[in-house]
Amino acid sequence: MAWFKIYCGMGGSMGGAQYNGTYEYADIDEATADAYRMAEEEYQSYEGHHGILSPADVEEDLRYSGFIEDDMTDDEIADMIDYHYREEVESWISYYALPATGPDDQDED
């Protein structure tokens, strides 16, 4: 196990990745995955505000734009919504992990 400083948040005018804390993980990949999860949770807390889209908003946009067609199966529609929602989330979130020397190694800012 190793210590990592976790940074996550919303990009653009929302401030970008901010220091969240120093935590212990098996490796950098696990730390980065947790930073992603935290950033995704922050995104979800803003859904419906500041132009941040929910899955329902994405579906509405896809239907309005004509991307969802009458002959599509429910699974195809769900996959399309999920894909575009993931794209939306990833266009907003910002996250990363940095190695730390221990639990007391915190962000300097």
N, C-alpha and C. Protein backbone atom coordinates (compact mmCIF):
# COMPACT_ATOMS: atom_id res chain seq x y z
N MET A 1 0.85 -1.18 0.00
CA MET A 1 0.00 0.00 0.00
C MET A 1 0.89 1.24 0.00
N ALA A 2 0.37 2.29 -0.64
CA ALA A 2 1.11 3.55 -0.72
C ALA A 2 0.13 4.71 -0.54
N TRP A 3 0.66 5.86 -0.22
CA TRP A 3 -0.15 7.05 0.01
C TRP A 3 -0.19 7.91 -1.24
N PHE A 4 -1.38 8.48 -1.51
CA PHE A 4 -1.57 9.35 -2.68
C PHE A 4 -2.44 10.54 -2.31
N LYS A 5 -2.07 11.69 -2.86
CA LYS A 5 -2.91 12.89 -2.73
C LYS A 5 -3.91 12.87 -3.88
N ILE A 6 -5.18 13.04 -3.55
CA ILE A 6 -6.26 12.96 -4.53
C ILE A 6 -6.77 14.36 -4.84
N TYR A 7 -6.87 14.64 -6.15
CA TYR A 7 -7.39 15.90 -6.64
C TYR A 7 -8.58 15.58 -7.56
N CYS A 8 -9.67 16.31 -7.38
CA CYS A 8 -10.84 16.06 -8.23
C CYS A 8 -11.72 17.31 -8.23
N GLY A 9 -12.56 17.40 -9.25
CA GLY A 9 -13.49 18.51 -9.34
C GLY A 9 -14.03 18.65 -10.74
N MET A 10 -14.58 19.81 -10.97
CA MET A 10 -15.18 20.14 -12.25
C MET A 10 -14.27 21.11 -12.99
N GLY A 11 -14.07 20.88 -14.27
CA GLY A 11 -13.22 21.73 -15.07
C GLY A 11 -13.91 23.02 -15.48
N GLY A 12 -13.26 23.70 -16.40
CA GLY A 12 -13.81 24.95 -16.91
C GLY A 12 -13.92 26.01 -15.84
N SER A 13 -15.01 26.74 -15.86
CA SER A 13 -15.21 27.83 -14.91
C SER A 13 -15.55 27.32 -13.51
N MET A 14 -15.61 25.99 -13.33
CA MET A 14 -15.98 25.41 -12.03
C MET A 14 -14.76 25.22 -11.12
N GLY A 15 -13.58 25.61 -11.56
CA GLY A 15 -12.42 25.60 -10.69
C GLY A 15 -11.41 24.49 -10.89
N GLY A 16 -11.75 23.47 -11.64
CA GLY A 16 -10.80 22.40 -11.89
C GLY A 16 -10.62 21.48 -10.69
N ALA A 17 -9.64 20.60 -10.81
CA ALA A 17 -9.37 19.63 -9.75
C ALA A 17 -8.82 20.34 -8.52
N GLN A 18 -9.38 20.01 -7.37
CA GLN A 18 -8.95 20.58 -6.09
C GLN A 18 -8.51 19.43 -5.17
N TYR A 19 -7.60 19.74 -4.27
CA TYR A 19 -7.13 18.73 -3.32
C TYR A 19 -8.30 18.22 -2.49
N ASN A 20 -8.45 16.90 -2.43
CA ASN A 20 -9.53 16.28 -1.67
C ASN A 20 -9.02 15.65 -0.38
N GLY A 21 -7.82 15.10 -0.42
CA GLY A 21 -7.26 14.45 0.76
C GLY A 21 -6.14 13.51 0.37
N THR A 22 -5.48 12.96 1.39
CA THR A 22 -4.40 12.00 1.20
C THR A 22 -4.89 10.66 1.73
N TYR A 23 -4.85 9.64 0.86
CA TYR A 23 -5.41 8.33 1.18
C TYR A 23 -4.44 7.22 0.77
N GLU A 24 -4.66 6.05 1.32
CA GLU A 24 -3.81 4.91 1.04
C GLU A 24 -4.48 4.01 -0.01
N TYR A 25 -3.70 3.60 -1.02
CA TYR A 25 -4.18 2.74 -2.10
C TYR A 25 -3.12 1.69 -2.44
N ALA A 26 -3.55 0.68 -3.16
CA ALA A 26 -2.63 -0.36 -3.60
C ALA A 26 -1.62 0.18 -4.61
N ASP A 27 -2.08 1.08 -5.49
CA ASP A 27 -1.20 1.63 -6.52
C ASP A 27 -1.81 2.90 -7.12
N ILE A 28 -1.08 3.52 -8.04
CA ILE A 28 -1.53 4.78 -8.65
C ILE A 28 -2.82 4.57 -9.45
N ASP A 29 -2.98 3.40 -10.07
CA ASP A 29 -4.20 3.14 -10.84
C ASP A 29 -5.43 3.14 -9.94
N GLU A 30 -5.33 2.52 -8.77
CA GLU A 30 -6.45 2.51 -7.84
C GLU A 30 -6.73 3.93 -7.32
N ALA A 31 -5.68 4.68 -7.05
CA ALA A 31 -5.84 6.06 -6.57
C ALA A 31 -6.51 6.93 -7.64
N THR A 32 -6.08 6.78 -8.89
CA THR A 32 -6.66 7.56 -9.98
C THR A 32 -8.12 7.17 -10.21
N ALA A 33 -8.43 5.89 -10.11
CA ALA A 33 -9.82 5.45 -10.25
C ALA A 33 -10.70 6.06 -9.16
N ASP A 34 -10.18 6.16 -7.95
CA ASP A 34 -10.96 6.76 -6.87
C ASP A 34 -11.12 8.27 -7.09
N ALA A 35 -10.08 8.91 -7.60
CA ALA A 35 -10.18 10.34 -7.93
C ALA A 35 -11.26 10.56 -8.99
N TYR A 36 -11.32 9.67 -9.99
CA TYR A 36 -12.35 9.73 -11.02
C TYR A 36 -13.73 9.59 -10.38
N ARG A 37 -13.89 8.60 -9.48
CA ARG A 37 -15.17 8.38 -8.82
C ARG A 37 -15.61 9.62 -8.05
N MET A 38 -14.68 10.25 -7.35
CA MET A 38 -15.00 11.45 -6.58
C MET A 38 -15.40 12.61 -7.50
N ALA A 39 -14.69 12.75 -8.61
CA ALA A 39 -15.03 13.81 -9.57
C ALA A 39 -16.39 13.55 -10.19
N GLU A 40 -16.68 12.29 -10.48
CA GLU A 40 -17.99 11.93 -11.03
C GLU A 40 -19.11 12.25 -10.03
N GLU A 41 -18.88 11.98 -8.76
CA GLU A 41 -19.87 12.31 -7.74
C GLU A 41 -20.11 13.82 -7.67
N GLU A 42 -19.04 14.59 -7.83
CA GLU A 42 -19.20 16.04 -7.83
C GLU A 42 -20.02 16.48 -9.04
N TYR A 43 -19.72 15.90 -10.21
CA TYR A 43 -20.51 16.19 -11.40
C TYR A 43 -21.99 15.94 -11.12
N GLN A 44 -22.30 14.77 -10.56
CA GLN A 44 -23.68 14.39 -10.30
C GLN A 44 -24.36 15.35 -9.33
N SER A 45 -23.60 15.94 -8.43
CA SER A 45 -24.19 16.89 -7.49
C SER A 45 -24.62 18.19 -8.17
N TYR A 46 -24.08 18.45 -9.37
CA TYR A 46 -24.43 19.65 -10.12
C TYR A 46 -25.46 19.40 -11.22
N GLU A 47 -25.84 18.15 -11.45
CA GLU A 47 -26.78 17.85 -12.53
C GLU A 47 -28.03 18.72 -12.40
N GLY A 48 -28.42 19.28 -13.53
CA GLY A 48 -29.59 20.15 -13.56
C GLY A 48 -29.28 21.60 -13.27
N HIS A 49 -28.03 21.91 -12.98
CA HIS A 49 -27.62 23.29 -12.69
C HIS A 49 -26.39 23.64 -13.55
N HIS A 50 -26.26 24.90 -13.88
CA HIS A 50 -25.07 25.40 -14.60
C HIS A 50 -24.84 24.68 -15.93
N GLY A 51 -25.90 24.17 -16.54
CA GLY A 51 -25.76 23.48 -17.81
C GLY A 51 -25.23 22.06 -17.70
N ILE A 52 -25.19 21.51 -16.50
CA ILE A 52 -24.70 20.14 -16.30
C ILE A 52 -25.86 19.18 -16.56
N LEU A 53 -25.65 18.25 -17.50
CA LEU A 53 -26.72 17.37 -17.95
C LEU A 53 -26.82 16.08 -17.15
N SER A 54 -28.05 15.68 -16.86
CA SER A 54 -28.34 14.39 -16.25
C SER A 54 -28.57 13.38 -17.39
N PRO A 55 -28.65 12.08 -17.07
CA PRO A 55 -28.98 11.11 -18.12
C PRO A 55 -30.31 11.45 -18.81
N ALA A 56 -31.29 11.92 -18.04
CA ALA A 56 -32.58 12.29 -18.64
C ALA A 56 -32.42 13.48 -19.59
N ASP A 57 -31.58 14.44 -19.25
CA ASP A 57 -31.32 15.58 -20.12
C ASP A 57 -30.65 15.12 -21.41
N VAL A 58 -29.71 14.18 -21.28
CA VAL A 58 -29.02 13.64 -22.46
C VAL A 58 -30.03 12.94 -23.37
N GLU A 59 -30.91 12.14 -22.78
CA GLU A 59 -31.93 11.46 -23.58
C GLU A 59 -32.81 12.46 -24.31
N GLU A 60 -33.25 13.49 -23.60
CA GLU A 60 -34.09 14.51 -24.22
C GLU A 60 -33.38 15.17 -25.38
N ASP A 61 -32.10 15.50 -25.19
CA ASP A 61 -31.32 16.14 -26.24
C ASP A 61 -31.16 15.21 -27.45
N LEU A 62 -30.89 13.93 -27.19
CA LEU A 62 -30.74 12.97 -28.29
C LEU A 62 -32.05 12.80 -29.07
N ARG A 63 -33.16 12.76 -28.35
CA ARG A 63 -34.46 12.63 -29.03
C ARG A 63 -34.76 13.89 -29.85
N TYR A 64 -34.53 15.06 -29.26
CA TYR A 64 -34.80 16.32 -29.95
C TYR A 64 -33.93 16.44 -31.20
N SER A 65 -32.69 15.98 -31.11
CA SER A 65 -31.76 16.08 -32.24
C SER A 65 -31.96 15.01 -33.29
N GLY A 66 -32.84 14.05 -33.02
CA GLY A 66 -33.14 13.02 -33.99
C GLY A 66 -32.18 11.84 -33.98
N PHE A 67 -31.34 11.73 -32.97
CA PHE A 67 -30.40 10.62 -32.91
C PHE A 67 -31.05 9.32 -32.45
N ILE A 68 -32.12 9.43 -31.68
CA ILE A 68 -32.86 8.23 -31.27
C ILE A 68 -34.00 8.05 -32.27
N GLU A 69 -33.96 6.90 -32.95
CA GLU A 69 -34.92 6.63 -34.01
C GLU A 69 -35.97 5.62 -33.53
N ASP A 70 -37.12 5.64 -34.17
CA ASP A 70 -38.24 4.79 -33.78
C ASP A 70 -37.92 3.30 -33.85
N ASP A 71 -37.03 2.89 -34.75
CA ASP A 71 -36.75 1.45 -34.92
C ASP A 71 -35.64 0.94 -33.99
N MET A 72 -35.15 1.77 -33.11
CA MET A 72 -34.09 1.36 -32.18
C MET A 72 -34.68 0.56 -31.02
N THR A 73 -33.93 -0.45 -30.58
CA THR A 73 -34.37 -1.24 -29.41
C THR A 73 -34.10 -0.45 -28.13
N ASP A 74 -34.74 -0.88 -27.05
CA ASP A 74 -34.52 -0.23 -25.75
C ASP A 74 -33.05 -0.32 -25.35
N ASP A 75 -32.41 -1.46 -25.63
CA ASP A 75 -30.98 -1.62 -25.30
C ASP A 75 -30.12 -0.67 -26.11
N GLU A 76 -30.42 -0.50 -27.38
CA GLU A 76 -29.66 0.43 -28.22
C GLU A 76 -29.82 1.86 -27.71
N ILE A 77 -31.02 2.21 -27.32
CA ILE A 77 -31.28 3.56 -26.80
C ILE A 77 -30.52 3.76 -25.49
N ALA A 78 -30.60 2.77 -24.60
CA ALA A 78 -29.90 2.87 -23.31
C ALA A 78 -28.40 2.99 -23.52
N ASP A 79 -27.85 2.21 -24.45
CA ASP A 79 -26.41 2.28 -24.74
C ASP A 79 -26.02 3.65 -25.28
N MET A 80 -26.85 4.20 -26.16
CA MET A 80 -26.57 5.52 -26.73
C MET A 80 -26.61 6.59 -25.65
N ILE A 81 -27.62 6.54 -24.79
CA ILE A 81 -27.74 7.52 -23.71
C ILE A 81 -26.53 7.41 -22.79
N ASP A 82 -26.18 6.18 -22.41
CA ASP A 82 -25.03 5.96 -21.53
C ASP A 82 -23.75 6.49 -22.16
N TYR A 83 -23.53 6.20 -23.42
CA TYR A 83 -22.32 6.67 -24.11
C TYR A 83 -22.24 8.20 -24.10
N HIS A 84 -23.31 8.85 -24.48
CA HIS A 84 -23.29 10.32 -24.54
C HIS A 84 -23.23 10.95 -23.16
N TYR A 85 -23.85 10.31 -22.17
CA TYR A 85 -23.75 10.80 -20.79
C TYR A 85 -22.31 10.70 -20.31
N ARG A 86 -21.65 9.56 -20.56
CA ARG A 86 -20.23 9.38 -20.17
C ARG A 86 -19.37 10.45 -20.84
N GLU A 87 -19.63 10.72 -22.11
CA GLU A 87 -18.89 11.77 -22.83
C GLU A 87 -19.09 13.12 -22.16
N GLU A 88 -20.31 13.40 -21.77
CA GLU A 88 -20.64 14.67 -21.10
C GLU A 88 -19.91 14.77 -19.77
N VAL A 89 -19.98 13.73 -18.97
CA VAL A 89 -19.31 13.72 -17.67
C VAL A 89 -17.81 13.95 -17.86
N GLU A 90 -17.21 13.20 -18.76
CA GLU A 90 -15.77 13.28 -18.95
C GLU A 90 -15.31 14.60 -19.56
N SER A 91 -16.23 15.30 -20.21
CA SER A 91 -15.87 16.62 -20.74
C SER A 91 -15.82 17.69 -19.64
N TRP A 92 -16.42 17.39 -18.49
CA TRP A 92 -16.48 18.34 -17.38
C TRP A 92 -15.52 18.04 -16.24
N ILE A 93 -15.32 16.77 -15.93
CA ILE A 93 -14.57 16.46 -14.70
C ILE A 93 -13.07 16.59 -14.90
N SER A 94 -12.41 16.83 -13.79
CA SER A 94 -10.96 16.94 -13.75
C SER A 94 -10.49 16.18 -12.52
N TYR A 95 -9.48 15.33 -12.67
CA TYR A 95 -9.05 14.49 -11.55
C TYR A 95 -7.64 13.96 -11.79
N TYR A 96 -6.92 13.70 -10.71
CA TYR A 96 -5.62 13.04 -10.77
C TYR A 96 -5.17 12.67 -9.37
N ALA A 97 -4.15 11.84 -9.30
CA ALA A 97 -3.56 11.42 -8.03
C ALA A 97 -2.06 11.64 -8.11
N LEU A 98 -1.48 12.07 -6.99
CA LEU A 98 -0.03 12.26 -6.89
C LEU A 98 0.51 11.45 -5.72
N PRO A 99 1.70 10.87 -5.87
CA PRO A 99 2.29 10.13 -4.74
C PRO A 99 2.48 11.05 -3.54
N ALA A 100 2.32 10.47 -2.37
CA ALA A 100 2.51 11.21 -1.11
C ALA A 100 3.44 10.40 -0.23
N THR A 101 4.06 11.08 0.73
CA THR A 101 5.00 10.39 1.62
C THR A 101 4.31 9.74 2.81
N GLY A 102 3.06 10.11 3.07
CA GLY A 102 2.33 9.54 4.19
C GLY A 102 1.01 10.27 4.38
N PRO A 103 0.26 9.92 5.40
CA PRO A 103 -1.07 10.53 5.60
C PRO A 103 -1.02 12.01 5.92
N ASP A 104 0.10 12.49 6.41
CA ASP A 104 0.22 13.91 6.74
C ASP A 104 0.71 14.75 5.57
N ASP A 105 1.04 14.12 4.44
CA ASP A 105 1.49 14.84 3.26
C ASP A 105 0.25 15.39 2.55
N GLN A 106 0.01 16.68 2.75
CA GLN A 106 -1.18 17.31 2.20
C GLN A 106 -0.80 18.34 1.15
N ASP A 107 -1.81 18.85 0.47
CA ASP A 107 -1.60 19.86 -0.55
C ASP A 107 -0.98 21.10 0.06
N GLU A 108 -0.08 21.74 -0.67
CA GLU A 108 0.62 22.92 -0.16
C GLU A 108 -0.15 24.20 -0.35
N ASP A 109 -1.17 24.19 -1.21
CA ASP A 109 -1.92 25.43 -1.47
C ASP A 109 -2.88 25.75 -0.37
